[in-house]
Amino acid sequence: MFLSMIPEDDVGSIKKLEFIFNTYGKQMLYVAERIVGNTQDAEDAVQDALIRIASNLDSVDTAVPSKARSYVLIASKNAAINIARKKASSPKVVDIESVDFSYEKDAASEVADKSSFETIVGCINRLDEKYRDVLYLRLVEEMSEKQIANALGRNYGTVKMQFKRGRAMLIKLLKEKEVIRND
């Protein structure tokens, strides 16, 4: 499918893309599978990555193998992360009978909630990348620690510890900004 993006008369580009696939395809699949956790989604991620690579083929310098390898593996990693995020954010089924409609927020409360949310996300963005990614995925995207571990290619225990430490740092920042009280 990814070869169909290249005109048939562009033999050089076709050979370049075939070379990339034949040389790095297994490594791309390995990287993707570590992130998404299964072969089928990993194959989809590799195909997505190859489509992106085909549309930006001039950016891949196959004359320098280390650059080409880095480029294609990063493309594979990003495609796998996109798939993992889509799967993690699939719509949740809510039992309509269990929803309490008696409580309605007033406009001032909604503005305060939005302001607090933006402050929290701003504080998360100030943290180190390893904590920022875990906290954002856990608190904003509502992914489980296991899903985060799969998406980021980290051990489950590492993600749990990064969440615990990151949460403590976030609480400290929020107390400094007086978003939460020091009680």
N, C-alpha and C. Protein backbone atom coordinates (compact mmCIF):
# COMPACT_ATOMS: atom_id res chain seq x y z
N MET A 1 0.82 -1.19 0.00
CA MET A 1 0.00 0.00 0.00
C MET A 1 0.86 1.26 0.00
N PHE A 2 1.93 1.25 0.81
CA PHE A 2 2.76 2.44 0.89
C PHE A 2 3.50 2.71 -0.41
N LEU A 3 3.72 1.68 -1.23
CA LEU A 3 4.37 1.89 -2.53
C LEU A 3 3.44 2.58 -3.52
N SER A 4 2.13 2.47 -3.27
CA SER A 4 1.16 3.09 -4.18
C SER A 4 1.21 4.62 -4.11
N MET A 5 1.85 5.16 -3.10
CA MET A 5 1.95 6.61 -2.96
C MET A 5 3.02 7.20 -3.88
N ILE A 6 3.85 6.33 -4.43
CA ILE A 6 4.95 6.78 -5.29
C ILE A 6 4.58 6.48 -6.74
N PRO A 7 4.76 7.45 -7.63
CA PRO A 7 4.47 7.20 -9.05
C PRO A 7 5.28 6.01 -9.58
N GLU A 8 4.67 5.20 -10.43
CA GLU A 8 5.31 3.99 -10.96
C GLU A 8 6.61 4.28 -11.70
N ASP A 9 6.70 5.46 -12.32
CA ASP A 9 7.90 5.77 -13.09
C ASP A 9 9.05 6.30 -12.23
N ASP A 10 8.81 6.50 -10.92
CA ASP A 10 9.85 6.97 -10.01
C ASP A 10 10.55 5.76 -9.38
N VAL A 11 11.35 5.08 -10.19
CA VAL A 11 12.00 3.83 -9.79
C VAL A 11 12.94 4.06 -8.60
N GLY A 12 13.64 5.19 -8.58
CA GLY A 12 14.58 5.47 -7.50
C GLY A 12 13.89 5.55 -6.15
N SER A 13 12.74 6.21 -6.10
CA SER A 13 12.00 6.33 -4.85
C SER A 13 11.41 4.99 -4.42
N ILE A 14 10.94 4.22 -5.40
CA ILE A 14 10.41 2.89 -5.07
C ILE A 14 11.50 2.02 -4.47
N LYS A 15 12.68 2.03 -5.09
CA LYS A 15 13.80 1.23 -4.58
C LYS A 15 14.23 1.71 -3.19
N LYS A 16 14.21 3.02 -2.98
CA LYS A 16 14.59 3.57 -1.68
C LYS A 16 13.63 3.11 -0.59
N LEU A 17 12.33 3.16 -0.89
CA LEU A 17 11.34 2.75 0.10
C LEU A 17 11.42 1.24 0.35
N GLU A 18 11.64 0.46 -0.69
CA GLU A 18 11.82 -0.98 -0.52
C GLU A 18 13.05 -1.27 0.33
N PHE A 19 14.13 -0.52 0.09
CA PHE A 19 15.35 -0.67 0.89
C PHE A 19 15.06 -0.37 2.36
N ILE A 20 14.35 0.70 2.62
CA ILE A 20 14.01 1.07 4.00
C ILE A 20 13.21 -0.05 4.66
N PHE A 21 12.20 -0.55 3.96
CA PHE A 21 11.37 -1.60 4.52
C PHE A 21 12.17 -2.88 4.76
N ASN A 22 12.96 -3.28 3.77
CA ASN A 22 13.73 -4.52 3.90
C ASN A 22 14.83 -4.41 4.96
N THR A 23 15.39 -3.23 5.13
CA THR A 23 16.48 -3.05 6.08
C THR A 23 15.98 -2.82 7.50
N TYR A 24 14.93 -2.04 7.66
CA TYR A 24 14.50 -1.62 8.99
C TYR A 24 13.12 -2.13 9.40
N GLY A 25 12.45 -2.85 8.54
CA GLY A 25 11.08 -3.29 8.81
C GLY A 25 10.92 -4.07 10.11
N LYS A 26 11.81 -5.03 10.37
CA LYS A 26 11.70 -5.83 11.59
C LYS A 26 11.95 -4.98 12.83
N GLN A 27 12.89 -4.06 12.74
CA GLN A 27 13.17 -3.18 13.88
C GLN A 27 11.97 -2.25 14.13
N MET A 28 11.37 -1.77 13.06
CA MET A 28 10.19 -0.91 13.20
C MET A 28 9.06 -1.67 13.88
N LEU A 29 8.86 -2.92 13.47
CA LEU A 29 7.82 -3.75 14.06
C LEU A 29 8.11 -4.00 15.54
N TYR A 30 9.35 -4.25 15.87
CA TYR A 30 9.74 -4.49 17.27
C TYR A 30 9.44 -3.26 18.13
N VAL A 31 9.83 -2.09 17.65
CA VAL A 31 9.59 -0.84 18.39
C VAL A 31 8.09 -0.63 18.58
N ALA A 32 7.33 -0.80 17.52
CA ALA A 32 5.88 -0.58 17.60
C ALA A 32 5.21 -1.59 18.53
N GLU A 33 5.64 -2.83 18.47
CA GLU A 33 5.02 -3.87 19.29
C GLU A 33 5.28 -3.64 20.78
N ARG A 34 6.43 -3.10 21.11
CA ARG A 34 6.73 -2.78 22.51
C ARG A 34 5.78 -1.71 23.03
N ILE A 35 5.32 -0.85 22.16
CA ILE A 35 4.45 0.25 22.58
C ILE A 35 2.98 -0.19 22.63
N VAL A 36 2.51 -0.83 21.57
CA VAL A 36 1.08 -1.17 21.50
C VAL A 36 0.74 -2.50 22.14
N GLY A 37 1.74 -3.38 22.28
CA GLY A 37 1.52 -4.63 22.99
C GLY A 37 0.99 -5.79 22.19
N ASN A 38 0.74 -5.63 20.89
CA ASN A 38 0.31 -6.77 20.09
C ASN A 38 0.76 -6.59 18.64
N THR A 39 0.88 -7.71 17.95
CA THR A 39 1.44 -7.72 16.60
C THR A 39 0.54 -7.01 15.60
N GLN A 40 -0.75 -7.20 15.70
CA GLN A 40 -1.67 -6.60 14.72
C GLN A 40 -1.60 -5.08 14.74
N ASP A 41 -1.68 -4.49 15.92
CA ASP A 41 -1.58 -3.03 16.01
C ASP A 41 -0.18 -2.55 15.63
N ALA A 42 0.83 -3.34 15.95
CA ALA A 42 2.21 -2.98 15.59
C ALA A 42 2.37 -2.94 14.07
N GLU A 43 1.77 -3.92 13.38
CA GLU A 43 1.83 -3.92 11.91
C GLU A 43 1.12 -2.70 11.34
N ASP A 44 -0.02 -2.33 11.94
CA ASP A 44 -0.73 -1.13 11.50
C ASP A 44 0.14 0.11 11.71
N ALA A 45 0.84 0.16 12.84
CA ALA A 45 1.71 1.30 13.13
C ALA A 45 2.85 1.38 12.12
N VAL A 46 3.44 0.24 11.79
CA VAL A 46 4.53 0.23 10.81
C VAL A 46 4.01 0.70 9.45
N GLN A 47 2.84 0.23 9.08
CA GLN A 47 2.26 0.66 7.81
C GLN A 47 1.99 2.17 7.81
N ASP A 48 1.45 2.69 8.91
CA ASP A 48 1.22 4.14 9.02
C ASP A 48 2.55 4.90 8.91
N ALA A 49 3.56 4.38 9.59
CA ALA A 49 4.88 5.02 9.54
C ALA A 49 5.44 5.00 8.13
N LEU A 50 5.30 3.89 7.43
CA LEU A 50 5.82 3.80 6.06
C LEU A 50 5.08 4.73 5.11
N ILE A 51 3.80 4.93 5.35
CA ILE A 51 3.04 5.87 4.53
C ILE A 51 3.56 7.29 4.75
N ARG A 52 3.82 7.63 6.01
CA ARG A 52 4.38 8.95 6.31
C ARG A 52 5.78 9.09 5.71
N ILE A 53 6.56 8.05 5.82
CA ILE A 53 7.92 8.07 5.26
C ILE A 53 7.85 8.25 3.75
N ALA A 54 6.92 7.53 3.10
CA ALA A 54 6.78 7.62 1.65
C ALA A 54 6.42 9.03 1.21
N SER A 55 5.63 9.72 2.02
CA SER A 55 5.25 11.08 1.65
C SER A 55 6.36 12.09 1.94
N ASN A 56 7.37 11.70 2.72
CA ASN A 56 8.52 12.56 3.02
C ASN A 56 9.83 11.85 2.72
N LEU A 57 9.86 11.12 1.65
CA LEU A 57 11.00 10.26 1.34
C LEU A 57 12.31 11.04 1.19
N ASP A 58 12.23 12.27 0.76
CA ASP A 58 13.44 13.08 0.61
C ASP A 58 14.10 13.37 1.95
N SER A 59 13.36 13.26 3.04
CA SER A 59 13.90 13.52 4.37
C SER A 59 14.76 12.38 4.90
N VAL A 60 14.65 11.21 4.29
CA VAL A 60 15.39 10.03 4.75
C VAL A 60 16.70 9.94 3.98
N ASP A 61 17.80 10.05 4.71
CA ASP A 61 19.14 9.99 4.11
C ASP A 61 19.68 8.58 4.28
N THR A 62 19.40 7.71 3.29
CA THR A 62 19.85 6.33 3.38
C THR A 62 21.36 6.18 3.20
N ALA A 63 22.04 7.25 2.77
CA ALA A 63 23.49 7.21 2.64
C ALA A 63 24.16 7.18 4.01
N VAL A 64 23.46 7.68 5.02
CA VAL A 64 23.97 7.65 6.39
C VAL A 64 23.05 6.72 7.19
N PRO A 65 23.43 5.45 7.31
CA PRO A 65 22.55 4.46 7.94
C PRO A 65 22.03 4.84 9.33
N SER A 66 22.85 5.46 10.15
CA SER A 66 22.40 5.80 11.50
C SER A 66 21.27 6.84 11.46
N LYS A 67 21.36 7.79 10.53
CA LYS A 67 20.30 8.80 10.40
C LYS A 67 19.02 8.16 9.86
N ALA A 68 19.16 7.31 8.86
CA ALA A 68 17.99 6.65 8.29
C ALA A 68 17.31 5.77 9.32
N ARG A 69 18.09 5.02 10.08
CA ARG A 69 17.55 4.13 11.11
C ARG A 69 16.81 4.95 12.17
N SER A 70 17.42 6.01 12.63
CA SER A 70 16.78 6.86 13.63
C SER A 70 15.46 7.42 13.11
N TYR A 71 15.49 7.91 11.88
CA TYR A 71 14.29 8.52 11.29
C TYR A 71 13.14 7.51 11.23
N VAL A 72 13.40 6.31 10.70
CA VAL A 72 12.32 5.35 10.52
C VAL A 72 11.85 4.77 11.86
N LEU A 73 12.76 4.61 12.82
CA LEU A 73 12.33 4.08 14.11
C LEU A 73 11.52 5.10 14.90
N ILE A 74 11.87 6.36 14.76
CA ILE A 74 11.07 7.41 15.40
C ILE A 74 9.69 7.49 14.76
N ALA A 75 9.64 7.37 13.45
CA ALA A 75 8.35 7.37 12.75
C ALA A 75 7.49 6.20 13.22
N SER A 76 8.11 5.04 13.39
CA SER A 76 7.39 3.86 13.86
C SER A 76 6.91 4.05 15.29
N LYS A 77 7.77 4.61 16.15
CA LYS A 77 7.41 4.86 17.55
C LYS A 77 6.23 5.82 17.62
N ASN A 78 6.28 6.90 16.87
CA ASN A 78 5.20 7.90 16.91
C ASN A 78 3.89 7.32 16.39
N ALA A 79 3.95 6.53 15.34
CA ALA A 79 2.74 5.90 14.81
C ALA A 79 2.14 4.95 15.84
N ALA A 80 2.99 4.20 16.53
CA ALA A 80 2.51 3.27 17.55
C ALA A 80 1.89 4.02 18.73
N ILE A 81 2.50 5.12 19.13
CA ILE A 81 1.95 5.92 20.22
C ILE A 81 0.58 6.46 19.83
N ASN A 82 0.44 6.90 18.59
CA ASN A 82 -0.86 7.39 18.11
C ASN A 82 -1.93 6.30 18.21
N ILE A 83 -1.57 5.09 17.82
CA ILE A 83 -2.53 3.98 17.88
C ILE A 83 -2.86 3.66 19.34
N ALA A 84 -1.86 3.64 20.20
CA ALA A 84 -2.10 3.35 21.62
C ALA A 84 -3.00 4.42 22.24
N ARG A 85 -2.80 5.66 21.88
CA ARG A 85 -3.64 6.74 22.43
C ARG A 85 -5.08 6.62 21.94
N LYS A 86 -5.24 6.29 20.65
CA LYS A 86 -6.59 6.12 20.12
C LYS A 86 -7.32 5.00 20.84
N LYS A 87 -6.63 3.90 21.08
CA LYS A 87 -7.26 2.77 21.76
C LYS A 87 -7.58 3.11 23.21
N ALA A 88 -6.70 3.86 23.84
CA ALA A 88 -6.90 4.22 25.25
C ALA A 88 -8.02 5.22 25.42
N SER A 89 -8.26 6.04 24.40
CA SER A 89 -9.29 7.07 24.53
C SER A 89 -10.59 6.68 23.86
N SER A 90 -10.81 5.38 23.67
CA SER A 90 -12.07 4.95 23.07
C SER A 90 -13.20 5.33 24.02
N PRO A 91 -14.36 5.64 23.47
CA PRO A 91 -15.46 6.14 24.29
C PRO A 91 -15.84 5.17 25.41
N LYS A 92 -16.11 5.73 26.57
CA LYS A 92 -16.51 4.92 27.71
C LYS A 92 -18.03 4.78 27.69
N VAL A 93 -18.53 3.60 28.01
CA VAL A 93 -19.96 3.35 28.05
C VAL A 93 -20.47 3.76 29.42
N VAL A 94 -21.48 4.62 29.44
CA VAL A 94 -22.04 5.11 30.69
C VAL A 94 -23.49 4.63 30.79
N ASP A 95 -23.84 4.09 31.95
CA ASP A 95 -25.21 3.68 32.20
C ASP A 95 -26.03 4.93 32.48
N ILE A 96 -26.91 5.28 31.56
CA ILE A 96 -27.67 6.52 31.64
C ILE A 96 -28.54 6.56 32.90
N GLU A 97 -28.94 5.40 33.40
CA GLU A 97 -29.77 5.34 34.61
C GLU A 97 -28.99 5.78 35.85
N SER A 98 -27.66 5.63 35.82
CA SER A 98 -26.86 5.94 37.01
C SER A 98 -26.39 7.40 37.04
N VAL A 99 -26.68 8.17 36.00
CA VAL A 99 -26.23 9.56 35.94
C VAL A 99 -27.17 10.43 36.76
N ASP A 100 -26.57 11.24 37.63
CA ASP A 100 -27.34 12.15 38.47
C ASP A 100 -27.43 13.51 37.79
N PHE A 101 -28.63 13.85 37.31
CA PHE A 101 -28.83 15.12 36.61
C PHE A 101 -29.31 16.22 37.56
N SER A 102 -29.47 15.91 38.84
CA SER A 102 -30.01 16.90 39.77
C SER A 102 -29.01 18.01 40.08
N TYR A 103 -27.73 17.76 39.91
CA TYR A 103 -26.70 18.76 40.21
C TYR A 103 -26.31 19.47 38.94
N GLU A 104 -26.49 20.77 38.90
CA GLU A 104 -26.05 21.54 37.75
C GLU A 104 -25.14 22.64 38.23
N LYS A 105 -24.02 22.84 37.55
CA LYS A 105 -23.06 23.87 37.92
C LYS A 105 -23.54 25.23 37.42
N ASP A 106 -23.24 26.24 38.19
CA ASP A 106 -23.50 27.58 37.70
C ASP A 106 -22.31 28.05 36.87
N ALA A 107 -22.45 29.14 36.16
CA ALA A 107 -21.41 29.63 35.25
C ALA A 107 -20.11 29.94 35.98
N ALA A 108 -20.18 30.53 37.18
CA ALA A 108 -18.97 30.88 37.93
C ALA A 108 -18.19 29.63 38.30
N SER A 109 -18.89 28.58 38.67
CA SER A 109 -18.24 27.32 39.02
C SER A 109 -17.53 26.71 37.81
N GLU A 110 -18.17 26.78 36.64
CA GLU A 110 -17.56 26.24 35.42
C GLU A 110 -16.30 27.00 35.04
N VAL A 111 -16.32 28.32 35.19
CA VAL A 111 -15.14 29.14 34.89
C VAL A 111 -14.01 28.79 35.84
N ALA A 112 -14.33 28.63 37.12
CA ALA A 112 -13.31 28.28 38.12
C ALA A 112 -12.72 26.91 37.81
N ASP A 113 -13.56 25.94 37.42
CA ASP A 113 -13.07 24.61 37.07
C ASP A 113 -12.13 24.68 35.88
N LYS A 114 -12.49 25.44 34.86
CA LYS A 114 -11.66 25.56 33.66
C LYS A 114 -10.33 26.23 33.99
N SER A 115 -10.37 27.26 34.81
CA SER A 115 -9.16 27.96 35.22
C SER A 115 -8.24 27.03 36.01
N SER A 116 -8.81 26.26 36.93
CA SER A 116 -8.02 25.32 37.72
C SER A 116 -7.40 24.25 36.83
N PHE A 117 -8.18 23.75 35.87
CA PHE A 117 -7.67 22.74 34.95
C PHE A 117 -6.48 23.28 34.17
N GLU A 118 -6.60 24.50 33.64
CA GLU A 118 -5.51 25.09 32.87
C GLU A 118 -4.27 25.31 33.74
N THR A 119 -4.48 25.67 34.99
CA THR A 119 -3.35 25.85 35.92
C THR A 119 -2.68 24.51 36.18
N ILE A 120 -3.47 23.46 36.38
CA ILE A 120 -2.91 22.13 36.62
C ILE A 120 -2.11 21.66 35.42
N VAL A 121 -2.67 21.80 34.23
CA VAL A 121 -1.94 21.39 33.01
C VAL A 121 -0.67 22.22 32.85
N GLY A 122 -0.74 23.51 33.17
CA GLY A 122 0.45 24.36 33.11
C GLY A 122 1.53 23.88 34.06
N CYS A 123 1.14 23.46 35.26
CA CYS A 123 2.10 22.94 36.23
C CYS A 123 2.67 21.60 35.77
N ILE A 124 1.83 20.76 35.19
CA ILE A 124 2.33 19.49 34.65
C ILE A 124 3.38 19.75 33.59
N ASN A 125 3.14 20.73 32.73
CA ASN A 125 4.09 21.04 31.65
C ASN A 125 5.43 21.57 32.16
N ARG A 126 5.49 22.03 33.41
CA ARG A 126 6.74 22.53 33.98
C ARG A 126 7.63 21.40 34.49
N LEU A 127 7.10 20.20 34.62
CA LEU A 127 7.85 19.07 35.17
C LEU A 127 8.77 18.45 34.13
N ASP A 128 9.72 17.64 34.61
CA ASP A 128 10.60 16.86 33.73
C ASP A 128 9.75 16.01 32.79
N GLU A 129 10.28 15.73 31.60
CA GLU A 129 9.52 15.00 30.59
C GLU A 129 9.02 13.65 31.10
N LYS A 130 9.87 12.90 31.84
CA LYS A 130 9.45 11.57 32.28
C LYS A 130 8.25 11.63 33.22
N TYR A 131 8.16 12.68 34.03
CA TYR A 131 7.00 12.85 34.92
C TYR A 131 5.85 13.51 34.17
N ARG A 132 6.16 14.47 33.33
CA ARG A 132 5.14 15.21 32.58
C ARG A 132 4.31 14.26 31.72
N ASP A 133 4.98 13.38 30.98
CA ASP A 133 4.26 12.46 30.10
C ASP A 133 3.33 11.54 30.89
N VAL A 134 3.85 10.98 31.98
CA VAL A 134 3.05 10.06 32.79
C VAL A 134 1.86 10.79 33.42
N LEU A 135 2.09 11.95 34.01
CA LEU A 135 1.00 12.69 34.65
C LEU A 135 -0.05 13.14 33.64
N TYR A 136 0.40 13.63 32.49
CA TYR A 136 -0.55 14.09 31.48
C TYR A 136 -1.43 12.92 31.02
N LEU A 137 -0.80 11.80 30.69
CA LEU A 137 -1.58 10.66 30.21
C LEU A 137 -2.52 10.11 31.29
N ARG A 138 -2.07 10.15 32.55
CA ARG A 138 -2.90 9.62 33.64
C ARG A 138 -4.02 10.57 34.03
N LEU A 139 -3.69 11.84 34.21
CA LEU A 139 -4.67 12.79 34.75
C LEU A 139 -5.54 13.45 33.68
N VAL A 140 -4.98 13.73 32.53
CA VAL A 140 -5.73 14.42 31.49
C VAL A 140 -6.37 13.43 30.52
N GLU A 141 -5.58 12.48 30.03
CA GLU A 141 -6.11 11.50 29.08
C GLU A 141 -6.81 10.33 29.77
N GLU A 142 -6.67 10.25 31.11
CA GLU A 142 -7.30 9.22 31.93
C GLU A 142 -6.92 7.80 31.52
N MET A 143 -5.66 7.62 31.14
CA MET A 143 -5.15 6.29 30.82
C MET A 143 -4.73 5.60 32.11
N SER A 144 -4.82 4.29 32.13
CA SER A 144 -4.36 3.54 33.30
C SER A 144 -2.83 3.48 33.28
N GLU A 145 -2.24 3.14 34.41
CA GLU A 145 -0.78 3.05 34.48
C GLU A 145 -0.27 1.96 33.55
N LYS A 146 -1.02 0.90 33.40
CA LYS A 146 -0.63 -0.19 32.50
C LYS A 146 -0.65 0.30 31.04
N GLN A 147 -1.68 1.05 30.66
CA GLN A 147 -1.77 1.60 29.31
C GLN A 147 -0.63 2.58 29.05
N ILE A 148 -0.30 3.37 30.06
CA ILE A 148 0.79 4.34 29.93
C ILE A 148 2.10 3.61 29.72
N ALA A 149 2.32 2.56 30.50
CA ALA A 149 3.55 1.77 30.36
C ALA A 149 3.68 1.23 28.94
N ASN A 150 2.58 0.71 28.41
CA ASN A 150 2.60 0.20 27.03
C ASN A 150 2.83 1.31 26.02
N ALA A 151 2.16 2.44 26.20
CA ALA A 151 2.27 3.54 25.24
C ALA A 151 3.67 4.14 25.23
N LEU A 152 4.30 4.23 26.40
CA LEU A 152 5.61 4.86 26.47
C LEU A 152 6.76 3.87 26.40
N GLY A 153 6.45 2.57 26.38
CA GLY A 153 7.49 1.56 26.32
C GLY A 153 8.31 1.49 27.59
N ARG A 154 7.65 1.72 28.72
CA ARG A 154 8.33 1.67 30.02
C ARG A 154 7.77 0.53 30.85
N ASN A 155 8.52 0.12 31.86
CA ASN A 155 8.04 -0.91 32.77
C ASN A 155 6.89 -0.36 33.60
N TYR A 156 5.96 -1.23 33.95
CA TYR A 156 4.80 -0.85 34.74
C TYR A 156 5.24 -0.24 36.08
N GLY A 157 6.19 -0.88 36.75
CA GLY A 157 6.69 -0.39 38.04
C GLY A 157 7.31 1.00 37.92
N THR A 158 8.00 1.23 36.81
CA THR A 158 8.62 2.53 36.57
C THR A 158 7.55 3.60 36.43
N VAL A 159 6.51 3.29 35.69
CA VAL A 159 5.42 4.25 35.48
C VAL A 159 4.72 4.55 36.81
N LYS A 160 4.49 3.51 37.63
CA LYS A 160 3.86 3.74 38.94
C LYS A 160 4.70 4.69 39.79
N MET A 161 6.02 4.45 39.82
CA MET A 161 6.89 5.30 40.63
C MET A 161 6.96 6.71 40.06
N GLN A 162 7.03 6.84 38.71
CA GLN A 162 7.07 8.16 38.09
C GLN A 162 5.77 8.91 38.36
N PHE A 163 4.65 8.21 38.38
CA PHE A 163 3.38 8.87 38.68
C PHE A 163 3.37 9.34 40.13
N LYS A 164 3.82 8.48 41.05
CA LYS A 164 3.84 8.84 42.47
C LYS A 164 4.74 10.05 42.71
N ARG A 165 5.95 10.03 42.17
CA ARG A 165 6.87 11.15 42.35
C ARG A 165 6.38 12.41 41.64
N GLY A 166 5.89 12.23 40.42
CA GLY A 166 5.38 13.37 39.65
C GLY A 166 4.19 14.01 40.33
N ARG A 167 3.31 13.19 40.90
CA ARG A 167 2.14 13.71 41.60
C ARG A 167 2.58 14.55 42.82
N ALA A 168 3.60 14.07 43.53
CA ALA A 168 4.11 14.83 44.68
C ALA A 168 4.67 16.18 44.22
N MET A 169 5.40 16.18 43.11
CA MET A 169 5.94 17.43 42.57
C MET A 169 4.82 18.36 42.13
N LEU A 170 3.80 17.79 41.50
CA LEU A 170 2.65 18.58 41.03
C LEU A 170 1.93 19.21 42.22
N ILE A 171 1.72 18.44 43.27
CA ILE A 171 1.04 18.97 44.46
C ILE A 171 1.84 20.13 45.04
N LYS A 172 3.16 19.98 45.09
CA LYS A 172 4.01 21.06 45.61
C LYS A 172 3.84 22.33 44.76
N LEU A 173 3.86 22.17 43.42
CA LEU A 173 3.68 23.32 42.53
C LEU A 173 2.31 23.97 42.72
N LEU A 174 1.28 23.16 42.87
CA LEU A 174 -0.08 23.68 43.04
C LEU A 174 -0.24 24.40 44.37
N LYS A 175 0.46 23.91 45.40
CA LYS A 175 0.43 24.61 46.69
C LYS A 175 1.13 25.96 46.58
N GLU A 176 2.24 26.01 45.83
CA GLU A 176 2.95 27.27 45.61
C GLU A 176 2.06 28.27 44.88
N LYS A 177 1.27 27.80 43.95
CA LYS A 177 0.37 28.67 43.18
C LYS A 177 -0.95 28.91 43.92
N GLU A 178 -1.06 28.31 45.09
CA GLU A 178 -2.25 28.43 45.93
C GLU A 178 -3.52 27.93 45.26
N VAL A 179 -3.36 26.92 44.41
CA VAL A 179 -4.51 26.27 43.78
C VAL A 179 -5.11 25.29 44.79
N ILE A 180 -4.23 24.69 45.59
CA ILE A 180 -4.70 23.82 46.68
C ILE A 180 -4.12 24.35 47.98
N ARG A 181 -4.81 24.05 49.06
CA ARG A 181 -4.39 24.56 50.37
C ARG A 181 -3.30 23.68 50.97
N ASN A 182 -2.55 24.23 51.90
CA ASN A 182 -1.47 23.54 52.57
C ASN A 182 -1.93 22.72 53.78
N ASP A 183 -3.18 22.34 53.81
CA ASP A 183 -3.71 21.59 54.97
C ASP A 183 -3.13 20.21 55.02
